[in-house]
C-alpha cells in the first residue's frame, strides 16, 4: 500500500495481507439506492451521490438483510488492493500512463458523474475505480496510520473525526486519482461527488 513519491499520508509504502473478500463491480446507483430509500432521480444508472457515510452504512445493513449475507463498506486496504487490479505499485488501475491519456478524458465529466461502467474495467473487472465519484470506506482516517498499520487485514484507526474515502471525482480539476491517493471528510457530510460501493467477506 502507498506510494513512495506520493503525499505524506501515503507513506511509508508497506505490504499488507488481506483475507479474501468480494467487492461490487459497480458504484451503487440511483436505482439501487432508491430500493432502500425512495427519492426522485433522473438517471437510474448514475452513481448515487450526496450520501453520508451513515447513509452508506445503513444501506449496507439493509442490503445484508435483502441478500441474507453480511454486506459492508470496504476498508481502505481492500479498496486500494482492488483498485490496482492485480498490478503492484502502478499509479492507476490501467498502469502508469497519465490520467490525461484516458480515452475521451477531456470530454468526460463536464457537468457531473457518468453512468456507471461507462469506461473499461480494471484487471479485476471493477468499473470506475479511481474515477467518477469518491467512494466511502469503512475506516476512520488518520494521516499517520501507515506507520502503525498492522500487516494482517488493517481495519483502520479505532477512532477519529473523519472517515476515509478513495477514488477521484468529477468535480475536481484532475478527475482521476492515483490508486494510493487517500482522502477523508467528516462522516455526516453529504457531497455531490461522494458515493460508495459495497463489499463482503467470502
N, C-alpha and C. Protein backbone atom coordinates (compact mmCIF):
# COMPACT_ATOMS: atom_id res chain seq x y z
N UNK A 1 0.85 -1.19 0.00
CA UNK A 1 0.00 0.00 0.00
C UNK A 1 0.88 1.23 0.00
N UNK A 2 0.32 2.32 -0.54
CA UNK A 2 1.02 3.58 -0.52
C UNK A 2 1.83 3.84 -1.77
N UNK A 3 2.47 5.02 -1.78
CA UNK A 3 3.31 5.41 -2.91
C UNK A 3 4.47 6.23 -2.38
N UNK A 4 5.67 5.78 -2.64
CA UNK A 4 6.85 6.40 -2.05
C UNK A 4 7.01 7.86 -2.44
N UNK A 5 6.67 8.20 -3.67
CA UNK A 5 6.78 9.58 -4.11
C UNK A 5 5.44 10.30 -4.09
N UNK A 6 4.51 9.77 -3.30
CA UNK A 6 3.20 10.39 -3.16
C UNK A 6 3.16 11.38 -2.02
N UNK A 7 1.97 11.65 -1.52
CA UNK A 7 1.81 12.59 -0.42
C UNK A 7 2.26 11.95 0.90
N UNK A 8 2.45 12.79 1.90
CA UNK A 8 2.96 12.29 3.19
C UNK A 8 2.12 11.16 3.75
N UNK A 9 0.79 11.29 3.63
CA UNK A 9 -0.09 10.28 4.23
C UNK A 9 -0.08 8.95 3.47
N UNK A 10 0.60 8.91 2.34
CA UNK A 10 0.71 7.67 1.56
C UNK A 10 1.99 6.90 1.89
N UNK A 11 2.72 7.38 2.86
CA UNK A 11 3.98 6.75 3.25
C UNK A 11 3.93 6.36 4.72
N UNK A 12 4.72 5.33 5.12
CA UNK A 12 5.61 4.54 4.26
C UNK A 12 4.85 3.52 3.42
N UNK A 13 5.42 3.22 2.25
CA UNK A 13 4.88 2.11 1.47
C UNK A 13 5.06 0.84 2.30
N UNK A 14 4.03 0.04 2.38
CA UNK A 14 4.09 -1.15 3.23
C UNK A 14 3.23 -2.27 2.64
N UNK A 15 3.62 -3.48 2.92
CA UNK A 15 2.89 -4.65 2.42
C UNK A 15 1.86 -5.11 3.45
N UNK A 16 0.66 -5.39 3.00
CA UNK A 16 -0.37 -5.94 3.88
C UNK A 16 -0.92 -7.22 3.26
N UNK A 17 -1.50 -8.04 4.10
CA UNK A 17 -2.14 -9.28 3.66
C UNK A 17 -3.63 -9.18 3.99
N UNK A 18 -4.46 -9.47 3.00
CA UNK A 18 -5.91 -9.36 3.17
C UNK A 18 -6.56 -10.74 3.06
N UNK A 19 -7.56 -10.96 3.88
CA UNK A 19 -8.39 -12.15 3.71
C UNK A 19 -9.21 -11.99 2.42
N UNK A 20 -9.60 -13.09 1.79
CA UNK A 20 -10.43 -12.99 0.58
C UNK A 20 -11.69 -12.17 0.85
N UNK A 21 -12.07 -11.36 -0.12
CA UNK A 21 -13.28 -10.54 0.03
C UNK A 21 -13.92 -10.33 -1.34
N UNK A 22 -15.15 -9.92 -1.31
CA UNK A 22 -15.89 -9.58 -2.52
C UNK A 22 -16.05 -8.06 -2.58
N UNK A 23 -16.01 -7.51 -3.78
CA UNK A 23 -16.27 -6.09 -3.98
C UNK A 23 -17.15 -5.93 -5.20
N UNK A 24 -18.19 -5.12 -5.06
CA UNK A 24 -19.12 -4.93 -6.17
C UNK A 24 -18.39 -4.32 -7.37
N UNK A 25 -18.72 -4.77 -8.56
CA UNK A 25 -18.07 -4.27 -9.77
C UNK A 25 -18.46 -2.82 -10.05
N UNK A 26 -19.59 -2.37 -9.49
CA UNK A 26 -20.11 -1.04 -9.80
C UNK A 26 -20.29 -0.19 -8.55
N UNK A 27 -20.20 1.11 -8.73
CA UNK A 27 -20.63 2.02 -7.68
C UNK A 27 -22.15 1.88 -7.52
N UNK A 28 -22.65 2.02 -6.29
CA UNK A 28 -24.09 1.92 -6.05
C UNK A 28 -24.81 3.01 -6.85
N UNK A 29 -25.82 2.62 -7.59
CA UNK A 29 -26.53 3.56 -8.48
C UNK A 29 -27.76 4.16 -7.81
N UNK A 30 -28.32 5.18 -8.47
CA UNK A 30 -29.57 5.77 -8.00
C UNK A 30 -30.66 4.72 -7.87
N UNK A 31 -30.76 3.85 -8.87
CA UNK A 31 -31.82 2.83 -8.84
C UNK A 31 -31.62 1.87 -7.68
N UNK A 32 -30.37 1.46 -7.44
CA UNK A 32 -30.10 0.57 -6.30
C UNK A 32 -30.49 1.23 -4.98
N UNK A 33 -30.05 2.48 -4.81
CA UNK A 33 -30.28 3.16 -3.54
C UNK A 33 -31.77 3.47 -3.34
N UNK A 34 -32.50 3.72 -4.42
CA UNK A 34 -33.92 4.03 -4.31
C UNK A 34 -34.74 2.83 -3.86
N UNK A 35 -34.21 1.62 -4.03
CA UNK A 35 -34.89 0.44 -3.49
C UNK A 35 -34.84 0.44 -1.96
N UNK A 36 -33.81 1.07 -1.44
CA UNK A 36 -33.63 1.17 0.01
C UNK A 36 -34.34 2.41 0.58
N UNK A 37 -34.16 3.52 -0.10
CA UNK A 37 -34.74 4.78 0.35
C UNK A 37 -35.26 5.54 -0.85
N UNK A 38 -36.57 5.68 -0.96
CA UNK A 38 -37.18 6.30 -2.13
C UNK A 38 -36.76 7.76 -2.27
N UNK A 39 -36.36 8.12 -3.48
CA UNK A 39 -36.07 9.52 -3.79
C UNK A 39 -36.18 9.71 -5.29
N UNK A 40 -36.36 10.95 -5.72
CA UNK A 40 -36.51 11.24 -7.15
C UNK A 40 -35.13 11.34 -7.80
N UNK A 41 -35.01 10.76 -8.97
CA UNK A 41 -33.75 10.85 -9.71
C UNK A 41 -34.06 10.85 -11.20
N UNK A 42 -33.10 11.34 -11.99
CA UNK A 42 -33.30 11.44 -13.43
C UNK A 42 -32.72 10.26 -14.20
N UNK A 43 -31.62 9.71 -13.71
CA UNK A 43 -30.96 8.61 -14.43
C UNK A 43 -30.68 7.46 -13.48
N UNK A 44 -31.23 6.31 -13.79
CA UNK A 44 -31.13 5.15 -12.90
C UNK A 44 -29.70 4.66 -12.75
N UNK A 45 -28.88 4.82 -13.78
CA UNK A 45 -27.55 4.21 -13.77
C UNK A 45 -26.44 5.17 -13.35
N UNK A 46 -26.79 6.39 -12.96
CA UNK A 46 -25.79 7.26 -12.37
C UNK A 46 -25.48 6.77 -10.96
N UNK A 47 -24.25 6.97 -10.48
CA UNK A 47 -23.97 6.60 -9.09
C UNK A 47 -24.75 7.50 -8.15
N UNK A 48 -25.28 6.92 -7.09
CA UNK A 48 -25.96 7.74 -6.09
C UNK A 48 -24.91 8.63 -5.43
N UNK A 49 -25.27 9.89 -5.20
CA UNK A 49 -24.35 10.85 -4.58
C UNK A 49 -25.07 11.60 -3.47
N UNK A 50 -24.32 12.46 -2.81
CA UNK A 50 -24.86 13.24 -1.68
C UNK A 50 -25.35 12.33 -0.56
N UNK A 51 -24.65 11.22 -0.40
CA UNK A 51 -24.95 10.30 0.70
C UNK A 51 -23.84 10.41 1.75
N UNK A 52 -24.21 10.45 2.99
CA UNK A 52 -23.23 10.49 4.07
C UNK A 52 -22.66 9.08 4.30
N UNK A 53 -21.61 9.02 5.10
CA UNK A 53 -21.08 7.71 5.49
C UNK A 53 -22.15 6.91 6.22
N UNK A 54 -22.95 7.58 7.04
CA UNK A 54 -24.01 6.89 7.78
C UNK A 54 -25.06 6.33 6.84
N UNK A 55 -25.40 7.08 5.78
CA UNK A 55 -26.34 6.58 4.77
C UNK A 55 -25.80 5.32 4.12
N UNK A 56 -24.51 5.34 3.78
CA UNK A 56 -23.90 4.19 3.13
C UNK A 56 -23.92 2.96 4.04
N UNK A 57 -23.64 3.16 5.32
CA UNK A 57 -23.65 2.06 6.28
C UNK A 57 -25.07 1.51 6.46
N UNK A 58 -26.05 2.40 6.51
CA UNK A 58 -27.44 1.95 6.63
C UNK A 58 -27.86 1.14 5.40
N UNK A 59 -27.44 1.58 4.23
CA UNK A 59 -27.73 0.82 3.01
C UNK A 59 -27.13 -0.58 3.10
N UNK A 60 -25.90 -0.66 3.59
CA UNK A 60 -25.26 -1.97 3.73
C UNK A 60 -26.03 -2.88 4.68
N UNK A 61 -26.53 -2.32 5.77
CA UNK A 61 -27.33 -3.12 6.70
C UNK A 61 -28.61 -3.63 6.03
N UNK A 62 -29.25 -2.74 5.28
CA UNK A 62 -30.48 -3.12 4.57
C UNK A 62 -30.19 -4.21 3.54
N UNK A 63 -29.11 -4.01 2.76
CA UNK A 63 -28.76 -4.97 1.73
C UNK A 63 -28.36 -6.32 2.33
N UNK A 64 -27.74 -6.28 3.50
CA UNK A 64 -27.39 -7.52 4.19
C UNK A 64 -28.63 -8.37 4.45
N UNK A 65 -29.71 -7.72 4.86
CA UNK A 65 -30.96 -8.43 5.11
C UNK A 65 -31.59 -8.90 3.81
N UNK A 66 -31.53 -8.06 2.77
CA UNK A 66 -32.11 -8.43 1.47
C UNK A 66 -31.39 -9.63 0.86
N UNK A 67 -30.09 -9.65 0.95
CA UNK A 67 -29.29 -10.70 0.33
C UNK A 67 -29.01 -11.86 1.28
N UNK A 68 -29.37 -11.71 2.55
CA UNK A 68 -29.11 -12.72 3.56
C UNK A 68 -27.62 -13.06 3.63
N UNK A 69 -26.80 -12.01 3.60
CA UNK A 69 -25.36 -12.15 3.76
C UNK A 69 -24.82 -10.82 4.25
N UNK A 70 -23.77 -10.82 5.06
CA UNK A 70 -23.24 -9.56 5.59
C UNK A 70 -22.58 -8.72 4.49
N UNK A 71 -23.09 -7.52 4.29
CA UNK A 71 -22.56 -6.58 3.31
C UNK A 71 -22.06 -5.36 4.07
N UNK A 72 -20.98 -4.78 3.60
CA UNK A 72 -20.35 -3.68 4.32
C UNK A 72 -19.60 -2.78 3.34
N UNK A 73 -19.04 -1.69 3.86
CA UNK A 73 -18.13 -0.88 3.08
C UNK A 73 -16.74 -1.53 3.08
N UNK A 74 -15.97 -1.33 2.03
CA UNK A 74 -14.61 -1.88 2.03
C UNK A 74 -13.69 -1.07 2.93
N UNK A 75 -12.65 -1.71 3.42
CA UNK A 75 -11.61 -0.97 4.12
C UNK A 75 -10.74 -0.25 3.09
N UNK A 76 -9.95 0.70 3.58
CA UNK A 76 -9.00 1.38 2.68
C UNK A 76 -8.07 0.38 2.02
N UNK A 77 -7.58 -0.58 2.79
CA UNK A 77 -6.64 -1.57 2.25
C UNK A 77 -7.30 -2.41 1.16
N UNK A 78 -8.53 -2.84 1.39
CA UNK A 78 -9.25 -3.62 0.38
C UNK A 78 -9.47 -2.78 -0.87
N UNK A 79 -9.86 -1.53 -0.68
CA UNK A 79 -10.15 -0.67 -1.83
C UNK A 79 -8.89 -0.48 -2.69
N UNK A 80 -7.76 -0.19 -2.05
CA UNK A 80 -6.53 0.04 -2.82
C UNK A 80 -6.09 -1.23 -3.55
N UNK A 81 -6.17 -2.36 -2.86
CA UNK A 81 -5.84 -3.64 -3.50
C UNK A 81 -6.72 -3.86 -4.73
N UNK A 82 -8.01 -3.62 -4.58
CA UNK A 82 -8.95 -3.83 -5.68
C UNK A 82 -8.71 -2.84 -6.81
N UNK A 83 -8.42 -1.59 -6.47
CA UNK A 83 -8.22 -0.56 -7.49
C UNK A 83 -7.04 -0.90 -8.39
N UNK A 84 -6.01 -1.50 -7.82
CA UNK A 84 -4.81 -1.81 -8.61
C UNK A 84 -5.07 -2.92 -9.64
N UNK A 85 -6.11 -3.68 -9.46
CA UNK A 85 -6.50 -4.67 -10.45
C UNK A 85 -5.44 -5.72 -10.75
N UNK A 86 -4.63 -6.06 -9.74
CA UNK A 86 -3.61 -7.07 -9.93
C UNK A 86 -2.25 -6.53 -10.32
N UNK A 87 -2.15 -5.21 -10.51
CA UNK A 87 -0.87 -4.59 -10.85
C UNK A 87 -0.26 -3.97 -9.58
N UNK A 88 0.91 -4.37 -9.22
CA UNK A 88 1.52 -3.91 -7.98
C UNK A 88 2.29 -2.61 -8.19
N UNK A 89 2.01 -1.63 -7.34
CA UNK A 89 2.71 -0.35 -7.33
C UNK A 89 2.62 0.43 -8.65
N UNK A 90 1.52 0.27 -9.37
CA UNK A 90 1.25 1.11 -10.53
C UNK A 90 0.45 2.32 -10.06
N UNK A 91 0.57 3.41 -10.79
CA UNK A 91 -0.09 4.65 -10.37
C UNK A 91 -1.61 4.57 -10.46
N UNK A 92 -2.10 3.97 -11.53
CA UNK A 92 -3.53 3.98 -11.82
C UNK A 92 -4.01 2.55 -12.09
N UNK A 93 -5.30 2.32 -12.13
CA UNK A 93 -5.80 0.96 -12.39
C UNK A 93 -5.34 0.39 -13.72
N UNK A 94 -5.02 1.25 -14.68
CA UNK A 94 -4.59 0.79 -16.00
C UNK A 94 -3.07 0.75 -16.15
N UNK A 95 -2.32 1.21 -15.14
CA UNK A 95 -0.86 1.23 -15.22
C UNK A 95 -0.30 2.61 -14.87
N UNK A 96 0.80 2.98 -15.48
CA UNK A 96 1.46 4.23 -15.15
C UNK A 96 1.20 5.36 -16.15
N UNK A 97 0.47 5.10 -17.22
CA UNK A 97 0.15 6.15 -18.19
C UNK A 97 -0.67 7.25 -17.50
N UNK A 98 -0.39 8.50 -17.84
CA UNK A 98 -1.05 9.63 -17.18
C UNK A 98 -2.57 9.59 -17.36
N UNK A 99 -3.27 10.15 -16.38
CA UNK A 99 -4.73 10.18 -16.40
C UNK A 99 -5.26 10.85 -17.68
N UNK A 100 -4.53 11.84 -18.17
CA UNK A 100 -4.97 12.58 -19.36
C UNK A 100 -4.98 11.69 -20.61
N UNK A 101 -4.32 10.53 -20.51
CA UNK A 101 -4.31 9.59 -21.63
C UNK A 101 -5.56 8.72 -21.67
N UNK A 102 -6.40 8.82 -20.65
CA UNK A 102 -7.65 8.07 -20.66
C UNK A 102 -8.47 8.45 -21.88
N UNK A 103 -9.11 7.46 -22.51
CA UNK A 103 -9.91 7.72 -23.70
C UNK A 103 -11.00 8.75 -23.38
N UNK A 104 -11.06 9.80 -24.18
CA UNK A 104 -12.07 10.86 -24.07
C UNK A 104 -12.01 11.62 -22.75
N UNK A 105 -10.86 11.59 -22.08
CA UNK A 105 -10.76 12.26 -20.79
C UNK A 105 -11.21 13.72 -20.85
N UNK A 106 -10.82 14.44 -21.88
CA UNK A 106 -11.11 15.87 -21.97
C UNK A 106 -12.59 16.18 -22.12
N UNK A 107 -13.38 15.21 -22.54
CA UNK A 107 -14.80 15.46 -22.77
C UNK A 107 -15.70 14.71 -21.78
N UNK A 108 -15.09 14.07 -20.81
CA UNK A 108 -15.88 13.34 -19.81
C UNK A 108 -16.12 14.20 -18.57
N UNK A 109 -17.17 13.91 -17.85
CA UNK A 109 -17.48 14.56 -16.56
C UNK A 109 -17.55 16.08 -16.67
N UNK A 110 -18.14 16.59 -17.74
CA UNK A 110 -18.21 18.04 -17.92
C UNK A 110 -19.24 18.68 -16.99
N UNK A 111 -20.29 17.94 -16.66
CA UNK A 111 -21.37 18.51 -15.85
C UNK A 111 -21.76 17.67 -14.64
N UNK A 112 -21.15 16.52 -14.49
CA UNK A 112 -21.50 15.66 -13.37
C UNK A 112 -20.93 14.27 -13.58
N UNK A 113 -21.29 13.33 -12.71
CA UNK A 113 -20.81 11.96 -12.88
C UNK A 113 -21.41 11.30 -14.11
N UNK A 114 -20.80 10.23 -14.55
CA UNK A 114 -21.30 9.46 -15.68
C UNK A 114 -22.04 8.23 -15.18
N UNK A 115 -22.89 7.64 -16.02
CA UNK A 115 -23.45 6.34 -15.65
C UNK A 115 -22.32 5.35 -15.35
N UNK A 116 -22.56 4.48 -14.40
CA UNK A 116 -21.51 3.52 -14.02
C UNK A 116 -21.16 2.65 -15.22
N UNK A 117 -19.92 2.18 -15.24
CA UNK A 117 -19.41 1.27 -16.27
C UNK A 117 -19.38 1.92 -17.65
N UNK A 118 -19.19 3.23 -17.70
CA UNK A 118 -19.05 3.91 -18.99
C UNK A 118 -17.72 3.53 -19.65
N UNK A 119 -16.66 3.42 -18.84
CA UNK A 119 -15.34 3.10 -19.37
C UNK A 119 -14.99 1.64 -19.08
N UNK A 120 -13.85 1.22 -19.61
CA UNK A 120 -13.41 -0.17 -19.43
C UNK A 120 -13.08 -0.45 -17.96
N UNK A 121 -13.29 -1.69 -17.51
CA UNK A 121 -12.97 -2.05 -16.13
C UNK A 121 -11.47 -2.27 -15.96
N UNK A 122 -11.05 -2.41 -14.70
CA UNK A 122 -9.63 -2.71 -14.44
C UNK A 122 -9.39 -4.22 -14.57
N UNK A 123 -8.21 -4.65 -14.17
CA UNK A 123 -7.84 -6.05 -14.34
C UNK A 123 -8.68 -7.03 -13.54
N UNK A 124 -9.37 -6.56 -12.51
CA UNK A 124 -10.26 -7.42 -11.73
C UNK A 124 -11.72 -7.32 -12.20
N UNK A 125 -11.96 -6.57 -13.27
CA UNK A 125 -13.32 -6.43 -13.77
C UNK A 125 -14.14 -5.40 -13.01
N UNK A 126 -13.47 -4.51 -12.28
CA UNK A 126 -14.15 -3.49 -11.49
C UNK A 126 -14.21 -2.18 -12.26
N UNK A 127 -15.38 -1.58 -12.31
CA UNK A 127 -15.57 -0.35 -13.07
C UNK A 127 -15.42 0.89 -12.19
N UNK A 128 -14.90 1.95 -12.79
CA UNK A 128 -14.88 3.30 -12.19
C UNK A 128 -14.01 3.39 -10.93
N UNK A 129 -13.08 2.48 -10.77
CA UNK A 129 -12.14 2.63 -9.66
C UNK A 129 -11.26 3.85 -9.95
N UNK A 130 -11.14 4.72 -8.99
CA UNK A 130 -10.32 5.95 -9.10
C UNK A 130 -10.97 7.05 -9.91
N UNK A 131 -12.24 6.90 -10.28
CA UNK A 131 -12.89 7.95 -11.07
C UNK A 131 -14.40 7.96 -10.86
N UNK A 132 -15.02 8.99 -11.35
CA UNK A 132 -16.47 9.22 -11.33
C UNK A 132 -16.92 9.87 -10.03
N UNK A 133 -16.89 9.15 -8.91
CA UNK A 133 -17.21 9.76 -7.61
C UNK A 133 -16.28 9.19 -6.54
N UNK A 134 -16.04 9.98 -5.51
CA UNK A 134 -15.32 9.46 -4.35
C UNK A 134 -16.14 8.35 -3.72
N UNK A 135 -15.46 7.38 -3.11
CA UNK A 135 -16.15 6.25 -2.51
C UNK A 135 -15.80 6.14 -1.02
N UNK A 136 -16.84 6.10 -0.20
CA UNK A 136 -16.65 5.92 1.24
C UNK A 136 -15.98 4.58 1.53
N UNK A 137 -15.09 4.58 2.52
CA UNK A 137 -14.53 3.35 3.07
C UNK A 137 -14.98 3.22 4.53
N UNK A 138 -14.77 2.07 5.10
CA UNK A 138 -15.25 1.83 6.47
C UNK A 138 -14.38 2.49 7.53
N UNK A 139 -13.11 2.75 7.22
CA UNK A 139 -12.13 3.17 8.20
C UNK A 139 -12.33 4.60 8.71
N UNK A 140 -11.96 4.82 9.96
CA UNK A 140 -11.63 6.16 10.41
C UNK A 140 -10.36 6.59 9.68
N UNK A 141 -10.16 7.88 9.55
CA UNK A 141 -8.97 8.38 8.84
C UNK A 141 -7.92 8.90 9.80
N UNK A 142 -6.68 8.53 9.55
CA UNK A 142 -5.54 9.06 10.29
C UNK A 142 -4.38 9.17 9.29
N UNK A 143 -3.89 10.39 9.09
CA UNK A 143 -2.82 10.61 8.11
C UNK A 143 -1.57 9.81 8.44
N UNK A 144 -1.35 9.49 9.72
CA UNK A 144 -0.16 8.76 10.13
C UNK A 144 -0.36 7.27 10.31
N UNK A 145 -1.50 6.74 9.89
CA UNK A 145 -1.85 5.35 10.17
C UNK A 145 -0.88 4.35 9.55
N UNK A 146 -0.31 4.66 8.40
CA UNK A 146 0.55 3.69 7.72
C UNK A 146 1.79 3.35 8.55
N UNK A 147 2.20 4.25 9.44
CA UNK A 147 3.38 3.98 10.27
C UNK A 147 3.11 2.93 11.34
N UNK A 148 1.83 2.71 11.66
CA UNK A 148 1.48 1.77 12.73
C UNK A 148 0.50 0.69 12.26
N UNK A 149 0.19 0.67 10.98
CA UNK A 149 -0.79 -0.27 10.43
C UNK A 149 -0.37 -1.71 10.64
N UNK A 150 -1.27 -2.57 11.09
CA UNK A 150 -0.94 -3.99 11.16
C UNK A 150 -0.77 -4.58 9.77
N UNK A 151 -0.06 -5.68 9.69
CA UNK A 151 0.18 -6.33 8.40
C UNK A 151 -1.06 -7.08 7.94
N UNK A 152 -1.77 -7.69 8.87
CA UNK A 152 -2.92 -8.53 8.52
C UNK A 152 -4.22 -7.73 8.59
N UNK A 153 -4.91 -7.65 7.49
CA UNK A 153 -6.26 -7.05 7.43
C UNK A 153 -6.39 -5.75 8.21
N UNK A 154 -5.64 -4.71 7.86
CA UNK A 154 -5.72 -3.46 8.62
C UNK A 154 -7.13 -2.87 8.60
N UNK A 155 -7.72 -2.63 9.78
CA UNK A 155 -9.10 -2.13 9.83
C UNK A 155 -9.19 -0.62 9.90
N UNK A 156 -8.05 0.06 9.98
CA UNK A 156 -8.05 1.50 10.19
C UNK A 156 -7.99 1.82 11.67
N UNK A 157 -7.84 3.10 12.01
CA UNK A 157 -7.75 3.52 13.42
C UNK A 157 -9.01 3.17 14.19
N UNK A 158 -8.88 3.12 15.51
CA UNK A 158 -10.02 2.77 16.37
C UNK A 158 -11.01 3.92 16.51
N UNK A 159 -10.56 5.14 16.31
CA UNK A 159 -11.45 6.30 16.44
C UNK A 159 -10.92 7.45 15.59
N UNK A 160 -11.72 8.48 15.45
CA UNK A 160 -11.32 9.63 14.66
C UNK A 160 -12.47 10.60 14.50
N UNK A 161 -12.28 11.59 13.65
CA UNK A 161 -13.34 12.57 13.38
C UNK A 161 -13.73 12.59 11.91
N UNK A 162 -12.94 11.93 11.07
CA UNK A 162 -13.20 11.87 9.64
C UNK A 162 -13.16 10.42 9.18
N UNK A 163 -13.99 10.10 8.19
CA UNK A 163 -13.97 8.76 7.61
C UNK A 163 -13.20 8.79 6.29
N UNK A 164 -12.53 7.69 6.03
CA UNK A 164 -11.71 7.58 4.82
C UNK A 164 -12.58 7.44 3.58
N UNK A 165 -12.04 7.94 2.49
CA UNK A 165 -12.66 7.75 1.18
C UNK A 165 -11.56 7.56 0.16
N UNK A 166 -11.91 7.01 -0.96
CA UNK A 166 -10.93 6.74 -2.01
C UNK A 166 -11.52 7.09 -3.38
N UNK A 167 -10.63 7.26 -4.33
CA UNK A 167 -11.03 7.48 -5.72
C UNK A 167 -11.15 8.93 -6.10
N UNK A 168 -11.09 9.19 -7.39
CA UNK A 168 -11.27 10.54 -7.91
C UNK A 168 -12.74 10.88 -8.09
N UNK A 169 -13.00 12.10 -8.54
CA UNK A 169 -14.40 12.53 -8.69
C UNK A 169 -14.53 13.62 -9.74
N UNK A 170 -15.70 13.71 -10.31
CA UNK A 170 -15.98 14.59 -11.44
C UNK A 170 -15.83 16.07 -11.12
N UNK A 171 -15.94 16.47 -9.86
CA UNK A 171 -15.90 17.89 -9.52
C UNK A 171 -14.50 18.48 -9.49
N UNK A 172 -13.48 17.64 -9.46
CA UNK A 172 -12.12 18.13 -9.33
C UNK A 172 -11.52 18.51 -10.67
N UNK A 173 -10.51 19.38 -10.62
CA UNK A 173 -9.79 19.75 -11.84
C UNK A 173 -9.15 18.51 -12.46
N UNK A 174 -8.46 17.71 -11.63
CA UNK A 174 -7.97 16.40 -12.05
C UNK A 174 -8.99 15.38 -11.57
N UNK A 175 -9.65 14.71 -12.49
CA UNK A 175 -10.85 13.95 -12.17
C UNK A 175 -10.59 12.46 -11.90
N UNK A 176 -9.34 12.05 -12.00
CA UNK A 176 -8.96 10.66 -11.74
C UNK A 176 -7.89 10.68 -10.66
N UNK A 177 -8.00 9.80 -9.69
CA UNK A 177 -6.99 9.74 -8.63
C UNK A 177 -6.02 8.60 -8.87
N UNK A 178 -4.87 8.68 -8.24
CA UNK A 178 -3.95 7.55 -8.20
C UNK A 178 -4.51 6.47 -7.26
N UNK A 179 -4.12 5.24 -7.46
CA UNK A 179 -4.60 4.15 -6.61
C UNK A 179 -4.26 4.38 -5.14
N UNK A 180 -3.11 5.00 -4.88
CA UNK A 180 -2.65 5.18 -3.50
C UNK A 180 -3.21 6.43 -2.83
N UNK A 181 -3.84 7.30 -3.59
CA UNK A 181 -4.30 8.58 -3.04
C UNK A 181 -5.37 8.37 -1.98
N UNK A 182 -5.21 9.07 -0.85
CA UNK A 182 -6.14 8.96 0.27
C UNK A 182 -6.91 10.27 0.43
N UNK A 183 -8.14 10.16 0.91
CA UNK A 183 -8.94 11.34 1.19
C UNK A 183 -9.86 11.05 2.36
N UNK A 184 -10.49 12.09 2.89
CA UNK A 184 -11.39 11.90 4.04
C UNK A 184 -12.24 13.14 4.23
N UNK A 185 -13.41 12.95 4.80
CA UNK A 185 -14.28 14.03 5.23
C UNK A 185 -15.06 13.55 6.46
N UNK A 186 -15.65 14.46 7.22
CA UNK A 186 -16.50 14.02 8.35
C UNK A 186 -17.64 13.13 7.86
N UNK A 187 -18.01 12.11 8.63
CA UNK A 187 -18.97 11.12 8.14
C UNK A 187 -20.37 11.65 7.90
N UNK A 188 -20.72 12.79 8.48
CA UNK A 188 -22.06 13.33 8.28
C UNK A 188 -22.19 14.17 7.01
N UNK A 189 -21.06 14.48 6.37
CA UNK A 189 -21.11 15.33 5.18
C UNK A 189 -21.77 14.59 4.02
N UNK A 190 -22.48 15.35 3.19
CA UNK A 190 -23.15 14.81 2.00
C UNK A 190 -22.75 15.67 0.81
N UNK A 191 -21.83 15.18 0.01
CA UNK A 191 -21.29 15.93 -1.12
C UNK A 191 -21.78 15.33 -2.44
N UNK A 192 -21.92 16.20 -3.43
CA UNK A 192 -22.43 15.79 -4.74
C UNK A 192 -21.44 14.94 -5.53
N UNK A 193 -20.23 14.79 -5.00
CA UNK A 193 -19.26 13.93 -5.68
C UNK A 193 -18.86 12.74 -4.80
N UNK A 194 -19.70 12.41 -3.83
CA UNK A 194 -19.44 11.27 -2.94
C UNK A 194 -20.49 10.18 -3.12
N UNK A 195 -20.01 8.95 -3.34
CA UNK A 195 -20.87 7.79 -3.40
C UNK A 195 -20.18 6.62 -2.69
N UNK A 196 -20.46 5.40 -3.12
CA UNK A 196 -19.83 4.24 -2.48
C UNK A 196 -20.11 2.98 -3.30
N UNK A 197 -19.36 1.92 -2.98
CA UNK A 197 -19.67 0.58 -3.46
C UNK A 197 -19.59 -0.37 -2.28
N UNK A 198 -20.16 -1.55 -2.43
CA UNK A 198 -20.27 -2.44 -1.27
C UNK A 198 -19.29 -3.61 -1.37
N UNK A 199 -18.95 -4.14 -0.21
CA UNK A 199 -18.02 -5.27 -0.11
C UNK A 199 -18.65 -6.33 0.79
N UNK A 200 -18.02 -7.50 0.80
CA UNK A 200 -18.47 -8.58 1.68
C UNK A 200 -17.32 -9.56 1.90
N UNK A 201 -17.36 -10.23 3.03
CA UNK A 201 -16.39 -11.29 3.27
C UNK A 201 -16.75 -12.52 2.45
N UNK A 202 -15.75 -13.33 2.16
CA UNK A 202 -16.00 -14.59 1.43
C UNK A 202 -16.32 -15.69 2.41
